[in-house]
Amino acid sequence: MARSLNKVLIIGNLTRDPELRYTPSGTAVCTFSIATNRQWKTESGDQKDEAEFHRIVAWDKLAEICSKMLKKGSRTYVEGRLQTRNWQGQDGAQRTTTEIVISDMLVLDGRRSDDLGVPEDLGVASNVGEESQVPQPHKAKAEKPAKKEESKKQTVDDISDEDIPF
């Protein structure tokens, strides 16, 4: 049997605030867009810029976390898979979209959790009044439920190369 891989890693900025909805069965779904930029030089030496826009979809607990923690302009890392959907629009035309269904998300902004209105139990590091503490990006995984553990403060000495997601 041949193996295959469908994995996407994106770092970019949100182009709009996340939109949280619930399916009729009560499952949370959050959608937002991330823009990535690419720069290159032409043969004549001119610098060109290009932006690519990605539709992102998060489900369940990750969807609720995304809706609370992210906002327009947030620098964010997402990891997931490509999915293409087809449907018929209200006008009868056939529609197709390709989106990234995420399983992992990191907020890369250096904002404090109380600035975002995020409850402390979501594991967001806050460096208020702690000079030795390094603010950590929040990492949210869809597959693993959050464990209620006593939060530990990390110092620069506690961080290794394995802690960096890329």
N, C-alpha and C. Protein backbone atom coordinates (compact mmCIF):
# COMPACT_ATOMS: atom_id res chain seq x y z
N MET A 1 0.84 -1.18 0.00
CA MET A 1 0.00 0.00 0.00
C MET A 1 0.88 1.24 0.00
N ALA A 2 0.59 2.17 -0.88
CA ALA A 2 1.36 3.40 -0.97
C ALA A 2 0.94 4.36 0.13
N ARG A 3 1.91 5.04 0.71
CA ARG A 3 1.62 6.03 1.74
C ARG A 3 1.43 7.38 1.10
N SER A 4 0.68 8.23 1.76
CA SER A 4 0.48 9.59 1.26
C SER A 4 0.51 10.55 2.44
N LEU A 5 0.62 11.82 2.16
CA LEU A 5 0.70 12.83 3.20
C LEU A 5 -0.08 14.05 2.76
N ASN A 6 -0.93 14.53 3.63
CA ASN A 6 -1.70 15.75 3.39
C ASN A 6 -1.52 16.62 4.62
N LYS A 7 -0.48 17.45 4.62
CA LYS A 7 -0.16 18.26 5.78
C LYS A 7 0.21 19.67 5.33
N VAL A 8 -0.34 20.66 6.02
CA VAL A 8 -0.10 22.06 5.70
C VAL A 8 0.37 22.77 6.95
N LEU A 9 1.41 23.58 6.83
CA LEU A 9 1.90 24.43 7.91
C LEU A 9 1.90 25.86 7.39
N ILE A 10 1.24 26.76 8.11
CA ILE A 10 1.13 28.15 7.67
C ILE A 10 1.48 29.07 8.83
N ILE A 11 2.26 30.12 8.56
CA ILE A 11 2.45 31.23 9.50
C ILE A 11 2.06 32.48 8.76
N GLY A 12 1.11 33.22 9.33
CA GLY A 12 0.65 34.44 8.69
C GLY A 12 -0.20 35.24 9.65
N ASN A 13 -0.88 36.24 9.08
CA ASN A 13 -1.73 37.13 9.87
C ASN A 13 -3.18 36.96 9.47
N LEU A 14 -4.07 36.99 10.48
CA LEU A 14 -5.50 36.89 10.21
C LEU A 14 -5.97 38.11 9.44
N THR A 15 -6.78 37.88 8.42
CA THR A 15 -7.30 38.97 7.60
C THR A 15 -8.64 39.49 8.12
N ARG A 16 -9.27 38.73 9.02
CA ARG A 16 -10.54 39.14 9.61
C ARG A 16 -10.69 38.43 10.96
N ASP A 17 -11.61 38.90 11.78
CA ASP A 17 -11.88 38.24 13.05
C ASP A 17 -12.48 36.86 12.79
N PRO A 18 -12.17 35.88 13.63
CA PRO A 18 -12.75 34.54 13.46
C PRO A 18 -14.26 34.57 13.63
N GLU A 19 -14.94 33.67 12.93
CA GLU A 19 -16.39 33.54 13.03
C GLU A 19 -16.72 32.17 13.63
N LEU A 20 -17.34 32.17 14.79
CA LEU A 20 -17.70 30.92 15.47
C LEU A 20 -19.17 30.63 15.25
N ARG A 21 -19.46 29.40 14.82
CA ARG A 21 -20.84 28.94 14.64
C ARG A 21 -20.94 27.55 15.25
N TYR A 22 -22.16 27.07 15.34
CA TYR A 22 -22.40 25.72 15.85
C TYR A 22 -23.26 24.97 14.86
N THR A 23 -22.95 23.70 14.64
CA THR A 23 -23.76 22.86 13.77
C THR A 23 -25.07 22.54 14.50
N PRO A 24 -26.09 22.04 13.79
CA PRO A 24 -27.34 21.68 14.46
C PRO A 24 -27.14 20.66 15.59
N SER A 25 -26.09 19.84 15.50
CA SER A 25 -25.83 18.86 16.57
C SER A 25 -25.02 19.46 17.72
N GLY A 26 -24.65 20.76 17.62
CA GLY A 26 -23.95 21.43 18.72
C GLY A 26 -22.44 21.45 18.61
N THR A 27 -21.87 21.00 17.51
CA THR A 27 -20.42 21.01 17.32
C THR A 27 -19.95 22.40 16.91
N ALA A 28 -18.93 22.91 17.59
CA ALA A 28 -18.39 24.24 17.28
C ALA A 28 -17.54 24.18 16.01
N VAL A 29 -17.68 25.19 15.16
CA VAL A 29 -16.85 25.34 13.97
C VAL A 29 -16.47 26.82 13.84
N CYS A 30 -15.20 27.07 13.65
CA CYS A 30 -14.68 28.44 13.56
C CYS A 30 -13.98 28.59 12.21
N THR A 31 -14.28 29.67 11.50
CA THR A 31 -13.63 29.93 10.22
C THR A 31 -12.95 31.29 10.28
N PHE A 32 -11.81 31.38 9.61
CA PHE A 32 -11.09 32.65 9.47
C PHE A 32 -10.14 32.52 8.30
N SER A 33 -9.50 33.61 7.94
CA SER A 33 -8.55 33.61 6.84
C SER A 33 -7.19 34.08 7.34
N ILE A 34 -6.15 33.49 6.78
CA ILE A 34 -4.77 33.89 7.07
C ILE A 34 -4.12 34.29 5.77
N ALA A 35 -3.39 35.42 5.80
CA ALA A 35 -2.63 35.88 4.64
C ALA A 35 -1.16 35.55 4.85
N THR A 36 -0.53 35.00 3.82
CA THR A 36 0.91 34.79 3.82
C THR A 36 1.50 35.63 2.70
N ASN A 37 2.73 36.09 2.89
CA ASN A 37 3.38 36.97 1.92
C ASN A 37 4.64 36.31 1.37
N ARG A 38 4.93 36.63 0.13
CA ARG A 38 6.14 36.14 -0.52
C ARG A 38 6.79 37.30 -1.24
N GLN A 39 8.10 37.43 -1.10
CA GLN A 39 8.85 38.49 -1.77
C GLN A 39 9.95 37.85 -2.62
N TRP A 40 10.20 38.44 -3.77
CA TRP A 40 11.27 37.98 -4.64
C TRP A 40 11.73 39.12 -5.52
N LYS A 41 12.90 38.94 -6.13
CA LYS A 41 13.44 39.93 -7.05
C LYS A 41 13.35 39.40 -8.47
N THR A 42 12.97 40.28 -9.37
CA THR A 42 12.88 39.92 -10.78
C THR A 42 14.29 39.96 -11.38
N GLU A 43 14.40 39.53 -12.62
CA GLU A 43 15.69 39.55 -13.31
C GLU A 43 16.22 40.96 -13.43
N SER A 44 15.33 41.95 -13.51
CA SER A 44 15.76 43.35 -13.62
C SER A 44 16.11 43.96 -12.27
N GLY A 45 15.93 43.18 -11.17
CA GLY A 45 16.29 43.68 -9.84
C GLY A 45 15.14 44.31 -9.07
N ASP A 46 13.96 44.38 -9.68
CA ASP A 46 12.80 44.93 -8.98
C ASP A 46 12.31 43.93 -7.93
N GLN A 47 11.87 44.47 -6.81
CA GLN A 47 11.33 43.59 -5.76
C GLN A 47 9.82 43.47 -5.94
N LYS A 48 9.34 42.24 -5.92
CA LYS A 48 7.92 41.95 -6.07
C LYS A 48 7.39 41.36 -4.78
N ASP A 49 6.14 41.69 -4.47
CA ASP A 49 5.45 41.15 -3.30
C ASP A 49 4.18 40.46 -3.77
N GLU A 50 3.86 39.36 -3.12
CA GLU A 50 2.65 38.63 -3.45
C GLU A 50 2.02 38.11 -2.17
N ALA A 51 0.72 38.27 -2.04
CA ALA A 51 0.00 37.76 -0.88
C ALA A 51 -0.89 36.60 -1.31
N GLU A 52 -0.94 35.60 -0.47
CA GLU A 52 -1.81 34.44 -0.69
C GLU A 52 -2.77 34.37 0.50
N PHE A 53 -4.03 34.08 0.24
CA PHE A 53 -5.04 34.05 1.29
C PHE A 53 -5.55 32.61 1.46
N HIS A 54 -5.60 32.16 2.71
CA HIS A 54 -5.95 30.78 3.03
C HIS A 54 -7.18 30.76 3.92
N ARG A 55 -8.17 29.96 3.55
CA ARG A 55 -9.37 29.78 4.36
C ARG A 55 -9.08 28.69 5.39
N ILE A 56 -9.30 28.99 6.66
CA ILE A 56 -8.98 28.09 7.76
C ILE A 56 -10.27 27.67 8.46
N VAL A 57 -10.36 26.37 8.81
CA VAL A 57 -11.51 25.84 9.54
C VAL A 57 -11.01 25.07 10.75
N ALA A 58 -11.57 25.36 11.93
CA ALA A 58 -11.26 24.63 13.16
C ALA A 58 -12.55 24.06 13.71
N TRP A 59 -12.46 22.89 14.35
CA TRP A 59 -13.63 22.21 14.89
C TRP A 59 -13.52 22.01 16.39
N ASP A 60 -14.64 21.82 17.04
CA ASP A 60 -14.75 21.44 18.45
C ASP A 60 -14.07 22.45 19.38
N LYS A 61 -13.31 21.94 20.36
CA LYS A 61 -12.68 22.80 21.37
C LYS A 61 -11.68 23.76 20.73
N LEU A 62 -10.94 23.30 19.71
CA LEU A 62 -9.99 24.17 19.02
C LEU A 62 -10.72 25.35 18.37
N ALA A 63 -11.93 25.13 17.87
CA ALA A 63 -12.71 26.21 17.28
C ALA A 63 -13.05 27.27 18.33
N GLU A 64 -13.44 26.83 19.52
CA GLU A 64 -13.77 27.78 20.58
C GLU A 64 -12.54 28.55 21.05
N ILE A 65 -11.40 27.87 21.13
CA ILE A 65 -10.16 28.54 21.52
C ILE A 65 -9.76 29.58 20.47
N CYS A 66 -9.85 29.22 19.20
CA CYS A 66 -9.51 30.16 18.12
C CYS A 66 -10.39 31.40 18.18
N SER A 67 -11.69 31.21 18.42
CA SER A 67 -12.60 32.37 18.44
C SER A 67 -12.30 33.30 19.60
N LYS A 68 -11.78 32.76 20.72
CA LYS A 68 -11.47 33.59 21.88
C LYS A 68 -10.10 34.25 21.79
N MET A 69 -9.13 33.56 21.21
CA MET A 69 -7.75 34.04 21.26
C MET A 69 -7.32 34.85 20.05
N LEU A 70 -7.95 34.64 18.91
CA LEU A 70 -7.50 35.28 17.68
C LEU A 70 -8.35 36.49 17.34
N LYS A 71 -7.73 37.42 16.65
CA LYS A 71 -8.46 38.56 16.11
C LYS A 71 -7.74 39.03 14.85
N LYS A 72 -8.37 39.89 14.11
CA LYS A 72 -7.80 40.41 12.87
C LYS A 72 -6.40 40.95 13.15
N GLY A 73 -5.44 40.52 12.31
CA GLY A 73 -4.06 40.98 12.45
C GLY A 73 -3.18 40.07 13.29
N SER A 74 -3.77 39.13 14.04
CA SER A 74 -2.99 38.23 14.89
C SER A 74 -2.02 37.40 14.05
N ARG A 75 -0.75 37.36 14.47
CA ARG A 75 0.24 36.50 13.81
C ARG A 75 0.05 35.10 14.39
N THR A 76 -0.17 34.13 13.51
CA THR A 76 -0.60 32.80 13.95
C THR A 76 0.05 31.71 13.12
N TYR A 77 0.37 30.60 13.80
CA TYR A 77 0.84 29.38 13.15
C TYR A 77 -0.32 28.39 13.20
N VAL A 78 -0.64 27.78 12.07
CA VAL A 78 -1.65 26.72 12.03
C VAL A 78 -1.08 25.52 11.31
N GLU A 79 -1.56 24.35 11.71
CA GLU A 79 -1.13 23.09 11.11
C GLU A 79 -2.39 22.26 10.87
N GLY A 80 -2.48 21.67 9.69
CA GLY A 80 -3.66 20.87 9.39
C GLY A 80 -3.54 20.17 8.07
N ARG A 81 -4.69 19.98 7.42
CA ARG A 81 -4.74 19.26 6.15
C ARG A 81 -5.59 20.04 5.15
N LEU A 82 -5.31 19.84 3.88
CA LEU A 82 -6.12 20.45 2.82
C LEU A 82 -7.39 19.64 2.62
N GLN A 83 -8.48 20.35 2.41
CA GLN A 83 -9.75 19.68 2.11
C GLN A 83 -10.47 20.50 1.04
N THR A 84 -10.96 19.82 0.03
CA THR A 84 -11.73 20.48 -1.03
C THR A 84 -13.18 20.03 -0.92
N ARG A 85 -14.08 21.00 -0.95
CA ARG A 85 -15.51 20.71 -0.85
C ARG A 85 -16.23 21.23 -2.08
N ASN A 86 -17.29 20.55 -2.49
CA ASN A 86 -18.16 20.97 -3.59
C ASN A 86 -19.58 21.09 -3.06
N TRP A 87 -20.31 22.10 -3.52
CA TRP A 87 -21.71 22.25 -3.16
C TRP A 87 -22.41 23.08 -4.24
N GLN A 88 -23.71 23.07 -4.17
CA GLN A 88 -24.50 23.84 -5.11
C GLN A 88 -24.99 25.10 -4.41
N GLY A 89 -24.71 26.26 -5.01
CA GLY A 89 -25.10 27.54 -4.43
C GLY A 89 -26.59 27.80 -4.57
N GLN A 90 -27.05 28.85 -3.91
CA GLN A 90 -28.48 29.21 -3.97
C GLN A 90 -28.91 29.57 -5.38
N ASP A 91 -27.96 30.03 -6.20
CA ASP A 91 -28.28 30.36 -7.59
C ASP A 91 -28.22 29.14 -8.50
N GLY A 92 -27.95 27.97 -7.95
CA GLY A 92 -27.91 26.74 -8.73
C GLY A 92 -26.54 26.43 -9.31
N ALA A 93 -25.58 27.34 -9.16
CA ALA A 93 -24.24 27.12 -9.72
C ALA A 93 -23.44 26.19 -8.80
N GLN A 94 -22.62 25.36 -9.44
CA GLN A 94 -21.75 24.47 -8.69
C GLN A 94 -20.58 25.27 -8.13
N ARG A 95 -20.27 25.10 -6.85
CA ARG A 95 -19.20 25.82 -6.17
C ARG A 95 -18.17 24.84 -5.62
N THR A 96 -16.92 25.29 -5.56
CA THR A 96 -15.82 24.50 -5.02
C THR A 96 -14.94 25.41 -4.17
N THR A 97 -14.46 24.89 -3.05
CA THR A 97 -13.52 25.64 -2.22
C THR A 97 -12.49 24.67 -1.65
N THR A 98 -11.28 25.16 -1.49
CA THR A 98 -10.23 24.40 -0.82
C THR A 98 -9.89 25.16 0.45
N GLU A 99 -9.85 24.45 1.56
CA GLU A 99 -9.60 25.06 2.85
C GLU A 99 -8.62 24.21 3.65
N ILE A 100 -8.09 24.80 4.71
CA ILE A 100 -7.18 24.09 5.61
C ILE A 100 -7.96 23.77 6.88
N VAL A 101 -8.16 22.49 7.15
CA VAL A 101 -8.83 22.04 8.37
C VAL A 101 -7.70 21.83 9.39
N ILE A 102 -7.68 22.68 10.43
CA ILE A 102 -6.53 22.65 11.33
C ILE A 102 -6.72 21.70 12.50
N SER A 103 -5.58 21.18 12.96
CA SER A 103 -5.55 20.31 14.14
C SER A 103 -4.66 20.91 15.22
N ASP A 104 -3.95 22.00 14.88
CA ASP A 104 -3.01 22.61 15.80
C ASP A 104 -2.94 24.11 15.50
N MET A 105 -2.77 24.92 16.55
CA MET A 105 -2.71 26.37 16.38
C MET A 105 -1.80 26.96 17.44
N LEU A 106 -0.98 27.92 17.05
CA LEU A 106 -0.15 28.68 17.98
C LEU A 106 -0.39 30.16 17.75
N VAL A 107 -0.62 30.90 18.82
CA VAL A 107 -0.70 32.36 18.72
C VAL A 107 0.73 32.87 18.86
N LEU A 108 1.23 33.58 17.87
CA LEU A 108 2.61 34.02 17.88
C LEU A 108 2.77 35.45 18.38
N ASP A 109 1.67 36.16 18.57
CA ASP A 109 1.74 37.52 19.11
C ASP A 109 2.22 37.49 20.54
N GLY A 110 2.87 38.54 20.98
CA GLY A 110 3.35 38.63 22.36
C GLY A 110 2.34 39.24 23.29
N ARG A 111 1.06 39.08 23.04
CA ARG A 111 0.02 39.67 23.87
C ARG A 111 -0.19 38.87 25.14
N ARG A 112 -0.61 39.55 26.19
CA ARG A 112 -0.96 38.88 27.44
C ARG A 112 -2.36 38.32 27.32
N SER A 113 -2.65 37.25 28.06
CA SER A 113 -3.96 36.60 27.99
C SER A 113 -5.08 37.52 28.45
N ASP A 114 -4.82 38.39 29.46
CA ASP A 114 -5.90 39.27 29.91
C ASP A 114 -6.19 40.36 28.89
N ASP A 115 -5.24 40.67 27.99
CA ASP A 115 -5.51 41.61 26.92
C ASP A 115 -6.48 41.02 25.91
N LEU A 116 -6.46 39.71 25.77
CA LEU A 116 -7.31 39.03 24.79
C LEU A 116 -8.64 38.58 25.37
N GLY A 117 -8.81 38.72 26.69
CA GLY A 117 -10.03 38.26 27.32
C GLY A 117 -10.11 36.75 27.41
N VAL A 118 -8.96 36.09 27.49
CA VAL A 118 -8.91 34.64 27.52
C VAL A 118 -8.83 34.18 28.96
N PRO A 119 -9.62 33.20 29.35
CA PRO A 119 -9.53 32.67 30.70
C PRO A 119 -8.15 32.07 30.96
N GLU A 120 -7.65 32.20 32.17
CA GLU A 120 -6.32 31.72 32.51
C GLU A 120 -6.19 30.21 32.38
N ASP A 121 -7.29 29.46 32.49
CA ASP A 121 -7.19 28.01 32.45
C ASP A 121 -6.91 27.46 31.05
N LEU A 122 -6.81 28.33 30.04
CA LEU A 122 -6.47 27.87 28.70
C LEU A 122 -4.97 27.74 28.50
N GLY A 123 -4.18 28.08 29.51
CA GLY A 123 -2.75 27.83 29.43
C GLY A 123 -1.95 28.91 28.75
N VAL A 124 -2.47 30.11 28.62
CA VAL A 124 -1.74 31.20 27.99
C VAL A 124 -0.78 31.79 29.01
N ALA A 125 0.49 31.90 28.65
CA ALA A 125 1.47 32.46 29.58
C ALA A 125 1.30 33.96 29.69
N SER A 126 1.42 34.47 30.87
CA SER A 126 1.34 35.91 31.11
C SER A 126 2.59 36.32 31.86
N ASN A 127 3.25 37.39 31.38
CA ASN A 127 4.50 37.79 32.00
C ASN A 127 4.37 39.06 32.83
N VAL A 128 3.22 39.32 33.36
CA VAL A 128 3.00 40.52 34.15
C VAL A 128 3.78 40.41 35.45
N GLY A 129 4.67 41.36 35.71
CA GLY A 129 5.41 41.42 36.96
C GLY A 129 6.50 40.38 37.11
N GLU A 130 6.81 39.63 36.09
CA GLU A 130 7.84 38.60 36.16
C GLU A 130 8.90 38.92 35.11
N GLU A 131 10.02 39.45 35.53
CA GLU A 131 11.07 39.80 34.58
C GLU A 131 11.78 38.59 34.03
N SER A 132 11.88 37.50 34.81
CA SER A 132 12.61 36.33 34.35
C SER A 132 11.75 35.41 33.48
N GLN A 133 10.46 35.68 33.39
CA GLN A 133 9.58 34.80 32.64
C GLN A 133 9.54 35.20 31.18
N VAL A 134 9.61 34.22 30.28
CA VAL A 134 9.53 34.45 28.85
C VAL A 134 8.11 34.16 28.41
N PRO A 135 7.42 35.11 27.73
CA PRO A 135 6.07 34.81 27.28
C PRO A 135 6.11 33.69 26.25
N GLN A 136 5.23 32.72 26.41
CA GLN A 136 5.17 31.58 25.52
C GLN A 136 3.94 31.69 24.64
N PRO A 137 4.05 31.33 23.34
CA PRO A 137 2.85 31.30 22.51
C PRO A 137 1.94 30.19 23.01
N HIS A 138 0.64 30.41 22.84
CA HIS A 138 -0.33 29.39 23.27
C HIS A 138 -0.42 28.33 22.19
N LYS A 139 -0.35 27.09 22.58
CA LYS A 139 -0.47 25.99 21.63
C LYS A 139 -1.74 25.23 21.95
N ALA A 140 -2.56 25.01 20.94
CA ALA A 140 -3.82 24.29 21.12
C ALA A 140 -3.86 23.15 20.13
N LYS A 141 -4.08 21.94 20.60
CA LYS A 141 -4.20 20.75 19.75
C LYS A 141 -5.64 20.30 19.75
N ALA A 142 -6.13 19.88 18.60
CA ALA A 142 -7.52 19.43 18.51
C ALA A 142 -7.69 18.01 19.01
N GLU A 143 -6.68 17.15 18.81
CA GLU A 143 -6.85 15.74 19.13
C GLU A 143 -6.82 15.45 20.62
N LYS A 144 -6.09 16.24 21.40
CA LYS A 144 -5.89 15.93 22.80
C LYS A 144 -6.69 16.87 23.69
N PRO A 145 -7.53 16.34 24.58
CA PRO A 145 -8.26 17.21 25.49
C PRO A 145 -7.29 17.85 26.47
N ALA A 146 -7.60 19.07 26.87
CA ALA A 146 -6.73 19.80 27.80
C ALA A 146 -6.76 19.16 29.17
N LYS A 147 -5.59 19.00 29.78
CA LYS A 147 -5.49 18.47 31.13
C LYS A 147 -5.44 19.63 32.11
N LYS A 148 -6.10 19.46 33.25
CA LYS A 148 -6.04 20.48 34.28
C LYS A 148 -4.83 20.20 35.15
N GLU A 149 -3.76 20.96 34.89
CA GLU A 149 -2.55 20.82 35.67
C GLU A 149 -2.19 22.17 36.24
N GLU A 150 -1.42 22.13 37.30
CA GLU A 150 -0.95 23.36 37.89
C GLU A 150 0.01 24.02 36.90
N SER A 151 -0.21 25.30 36.58
CA SER A 151 0.64 25.96 35.60
C SER A 151 2.02 26.20 36.19
N LYS A 152 3.04 26.00 35.35
CA LYS A 152 4.42 26.19 35.76
C LYS A 152 5.00 27.34 34.94
N LYS A 153 5.76 28.21 35.59
CA LYS A 153 6.40 29.31 34.90
C LYS A 153 7.69 28.81 34.30
N GLN A 154 7.95 29.20 33.03
CA GLN A 154 9.17 28.80 32.36
C GLN A 154 10.14 29.95 32.32
N THR A 155 11.40 29.65 32.48
CA THR A 155 12.44 30.65 32.34
C THR A 155 13.21 30.34 31.07
N VAL A 156 14.11 31.23 30.70
CA VAL A 156 14.89 31.05 29.48
C VAL A 156 15.68 29.75 29.54
N ASP A 157 16.16 29.36 30.72
CA ASP A 157 16.93 28.13 30.86
C ASP A 157 16.09 26.89 30.60
N ASP A 158 14.76 26.97 30.76
CA ASP A 158 13.88 25.83 30.57
C ASP A 158 13.51 25.58 29.12
N ILE A 159 13.86 26.46 28.22
CA ILE A 159 13.44 26.36 26.82
C ILE A 159 14.54 25.70 26.01
N SER A 160 14.16 24.67 25.23
CA SER A 160 15.11 23.98 24.37
C SER A 160 14.66 24.10 22.91
N ASP A 161 15.49 23.61 22.00
CA ASP A 161 15.16 23.65 20.58
C ASP A 161 13.90 22.86 20.26
N GLU A 162 13.59 21.81 21.05
CA GLU A 162 12.41 21.00 20.82
C GLU A 162 11.12 21.76 21.11
N ASP A 163 11.21 22.86 21.90
CA ASP A 163 10.03 23.65 22.24
C ASP A 163 9.59 24.54 21.09
N ILE A 164 10.43 24.73 20.09
CA ILE A 164 10.11 25.60 18.96
C ILE A 164 9.43 24.76 17.89
N PRO A 165 8.22 25.17 17.44
CA PRO A 165 7.43 24.33 16.55
C PRO A 165 7.92 24.28 15.11
N PHE A 166 8.90 25.08 14.73
CA PHE A 166 9.37 25.05 13.34
C PHE A 166 10.84 25.26 13.28
